[in-house]
Amino acid sequence: MSSILQKRDKAQTPILPSLITPAQMVAYCLTATQREEARLQKLQRRRSQGMIVAQQAAQVLKQWGAARVVLFGSILTECFHEASELALAVQDLPEHL
């Protein structure tokens, strides 16, 4: 009978030869979940910081005479990611600037 089909201790014996054990898979999944949660928290902090910077930039641009400043792009959507940039549209900024 094949060693794969023989009875085994499910927590310690690999399901297939040279693969990880079920216990190792559980540990891996737990760690992967923790890493993903940390990544999403970091991304949310980045989004929040981006919104603050955009508000500050809009205030400065309006002080310089811009008629309107609009934030757009992935920061406002679910598509926001680690490499996203702030996108601001500025209307009627005086030419001398």
C-alpha atoms as a PDB file:
ATOM      1  CA  MET A   1       0.000   0.000   0.000  1.00  0.00           C
ATOM      2  CA  SER A   2       1.213   3.482  -0.774  1.00  0.00           C
ATOM      3  CA  SER A   3       2.605   5.486   2.137  1.00  0.00           C
ATOM      4  CA  ILE A   4       0.177   8.257   1.206  1.00  0.00           C
ATOM      5  CA  LEU A   5      -2.794   6.034   1.921  1.00  0.00           C
ATOM      6  CA  GLN A   6      -1.510   4.561   5.188  1.00  0.00           C
ATOM      7  CA  LYS A   7      -2.946   5.755   8.486  1.00  0.00           C
ATOM      8  CA  ARG A   8      -1.065   8.699   9.914  1.00  0.00           C
ATOM      9  CA  ASP A   9      -1.078  11.221  12.744  1.00  0.00           C
ATOM     10  CA  LYS A  10      -2.948  14.013  10.953  1.00  0.00           C
ATOM     11  CA  ALA A  11      -1.332  16.829  12.943  1.00  0.00           C
ATOM     12  CA  GLN A  12       2.249  15.771  12.256  1.00  0.00           C
ATOM     13  CA  THR A  13       2.428  13.616   9.141  1.00  0.00           C
ATOM     14  CA  PRO A  14       2.499  15.341   5.782  1.00  0.00           C
ATOM     15  CA  ILE A  15      -0.522  14.703   3.588  1.00  0.00           C
ATOM     16  CA  LEU A  16       1.807  14.025   0.675  1.00  0.00           C
ATOM     17  CA  PRO A  17       5.484  13.201   0.869  1.00  0.00           C
ATOM     18  CA  SER A  18       7.693  16.316   1.201  1.00  0.00           C
ATOM     19  CA  LEU A  19       4.738  18.674   1.769  1.00  0.00           C
ATOM     20  CA  ILE A  20       3.854  20.555   4.912  1.00  0.00           C
ATOM     21  CA  THR A  21       1.807  19.025   7.706  1.00  0.00           C
ATOM     22  CA  PRO A  22      -1.730  20.170   8.494  1.00  0.00           C
ATOM     23  CA  ALA A  23      -0.423  21.833  11.677  1.00  0.00           C
ATOM     24  CA  GLN A  24       2.165  23.721   9.638  1.00  0.00           C
ATOM     25  CA  MET A  25      -0.564  24.830   7.224  1.00  0.00           C
ATOM     26  CA  VAL A  26      -2.695  26.149  10.096  1.00  0.00           C
ATOM     27  CA  ALA A  27       0.297  28.095  11.426  1.00  0.00           C
ATOM     28  CA  TYR A  28       1.025  29.444   7.946  1.00  0.00           C
ATOM     29  CA  CYS A  29      -2.592  30.562   7.453  1.00  0.00           C
ATOM     30  CA  LEU A  30      -2.637  32.290  10.837  1.00  0.00           C
ATOM     31  CA  THR A  31       0.576  34.158  10.045  1.00  0.00           C
ATOM     32  CA  ALA A  32      -0.652  35.091   6.570  1.00  0.00           C
ATOM     33  CA  THR A  33      -3.885  36.450   8.053  1.00  0.00           C
ATOM     34  CA  GLN A  34      -1.954  38.513  10.594  1.00  0.00           C
ATOM     35  CA  ARG A  35       0.314  39.920   7.870  1.00  0.00           C
ATOM     36  CA  GLU A  36      -2.681  40.850   5.724  1.00  0.00           C
ATOM     37  CA  GLU A  37      -4.415  42.573   8.645  1.00  0.00           C
ATOM     38  CA  ALA A  38      -1.238  44.558   9.372  1.00  0.00           C
ATOM     39  CA  ARG A  39      -0.936  45.496   5.687  1.00  0.00           C
ATOM     40  CA  LEU A  40      -4.527  46.725   5.575  1.00  0.00           C
ATOM     41  CA  GLN A  41      -4.064  48.767   8.771  1.00  0.00           C
ATOM     42  CA  LYS A  42      -0.946  50.366   7.323  1.00  0.00           C
ATOM     43  CA  LEU A  43      -2.819  51.108   4.094  1.00  0.00           C
ATOM     44  CA  GLN A  44      -5.648  52.757   6.053  1.00  0.00           C
ATOM     45  CA  ARG A  45      -3.124  54.934   7.920  1.00  0.00           C
ATOM     46  CA  ARG A  46      -1.559  55.882   4.577  1.00  0.00           C
ATOM     47  CA  ARG A  47      -4.973  56.813   3.168  1.00  0.00           C
ATOM     48  CA  SER A  48      -5.752  58.936   6.244  1.00  0.00           C
ATOM     49  CA  GLN A  49      -2.393  60.703   5.998  1.00  0.00           C
ATOM     50  CA  GLY A  50      -2.996  61.280   2.293  1.00  0.00           C
ATOM     51  CA  MET A  51      -6.341  62.914   3.009  1.00  0.00           C
ATOM     52  CA  ILE A  52      -4.710  65.243   5.556  1.00  0.00           C
ATOM     53  CA  VAL A  53      -1.939  66.183   3.107  1.00  0.00           C
ATOM     54  CA  ALA A  54      -4.515  66.788   0.357  1.00  0.00           C
ATOM     55  CA  GLN A  55      -6.501  69.111   2.645  1.00  0.00           C
ATOM     56  CA  GLN A  56      -3.344  71.014   3.571  1.00  0.00           C
ATOM     57  CA  ALA A  57      -2.339  71.321  -0.085  1.00  0.00           C
ATOM     58  CA  ALA A  58      -5.813  72.569  -0.998  1.00  0.00           C
ATOM     59  CA  GLN A  59      -5.624  75.242   1.708  1.00  0.00           C
ATOM     60  CA  VAL A  60      -2.253  76.472   0.439  1.00  0.00           C
ATOM     61  CA  LEU A  61      -3.413  76.459  -3.186  1.00  0.00           C
ATOM     62  CA  LYS A  62      -6.522  78.461  -2.271  1.00  0.00           C
ATOM     63  CA  GLN A  63      -4.359  80.941  -0.340  1.00  0.00           C
ATOM     64  CA  TRP A  64      -2.339  81.338  -3.547  1.00  0.00           C
ATOM     65  CA  GLY A  65      -5.517  82.146  -5.439  1.00  0.00           C
ATOM     66  CA  ALA A  66      -6.817  78.840  -6.801  1.00  0.00           C
ATOM     67  CA  ALA A  67     -10.554  79.013  -7.391  1.00  0.00           C
ATOM     68  CA  ARG A  68     -11.096  75.314  -6.775  1.00  0.00           C
ATOM     69  CA  VAL A  69      -9.087  72.265  -5.718  1.00  0.00           C
ATOM     70  CA  VAL A  70     -10.503  68.772  -6.237  1.00  0.00           C
ATOM     71  CA  LEU A  71      -9.091  65.514  -4.906  1.00  0.00           C
ATOM     72  CA  PHE A  72      -9.620  62.550  -7.224  1.00  0.00           C
ATOM     73  CA  GLY A  73      -8.203  59.140  -7.988  1.00  0.00           C
ATOM     74  CA  SER A  74      -7.706  55.867  -6.189  1.00  0.00           C
ATOM     75  CA  ILE A  75      -7.490  57.411  -2.714  1.00  0.00           C
ATOM     76  CA  LEU A  76     -11.264  57.842  -2.967  1.00  0.00           C
ATOM     77  CA  THR A  77     -11.918  54.270  -4.107  1.00  0.00           C
ATOM     78  CA  GLU A  78     -11.344  50.662  -3.143  1.00  0.00           C
ATOM     79  CA  CYS A  79      -8.503  50.618  -5.691  1.00  0.00           C
ATOM     80  CA  PHE A  80      -6.205  52.550  -3.322  1.00  0.00           C
ATOM     81  CA  HIS A  81      -2.930  50.668  -2.790  1.00  0.00           C
ATOM     82  CA  GLU A  82       0.581  51.105  -1.413  1.00  0.00           C
ATOM     83  CA  ALA A  83       1.866  52.888  -4.531  1.00  0.00           C
ATOM     84  CA  SER A  84      -1.141  55.188  -5.029  1.00  0.00           C
ATOM     85  CA  GLU A  85      -0.457  58.881  -5.476  1.00  0.00           C
ATOM     86  CA  LEU A  86      -2.450  61.943  -4.480  1.00  0.00           C
ATOM     87  CA  ALA A  87      -4.242  63.464  -7.441  1.00  0.00           C
ATOM     88  CA  LEU A  88      -5.394  67.081  -7.191  1.00  0.00           C
ATOM     89  CA  ALA A  89      -7.078  69.106  -9.918  1.00  0.00           C
ATOM     90  CA  VAL A  90      -6.540  72.849  -9.519  1.00  0.00           C
ATOM     91  CA  GLN A  91      -8.773  75.387 -11.226  1.00  0.00           C
ATOM     92  CA  ASP A  92      -7.830  78.994 -11.999  1.00  0.00           C
ATOM     93  CA  LEU A  93      -4.445  79.157 -10.279  1.00  0.00           C
ATOM     94  CA  PRO A  94      -2.978  82.603 -11.071  1.00  0.00           C
ATOM     95  CA  GLU A  95      -0.447  82.541 -13.917  1.00  0.00           C
ATOM     96  CA  HIS A  96       2.316  84.230 -11.928  1.00  0.00           C
ATOM     97  CA  LEU A  97       2.641  81.103  -9.783  1.00  0.00           C
END
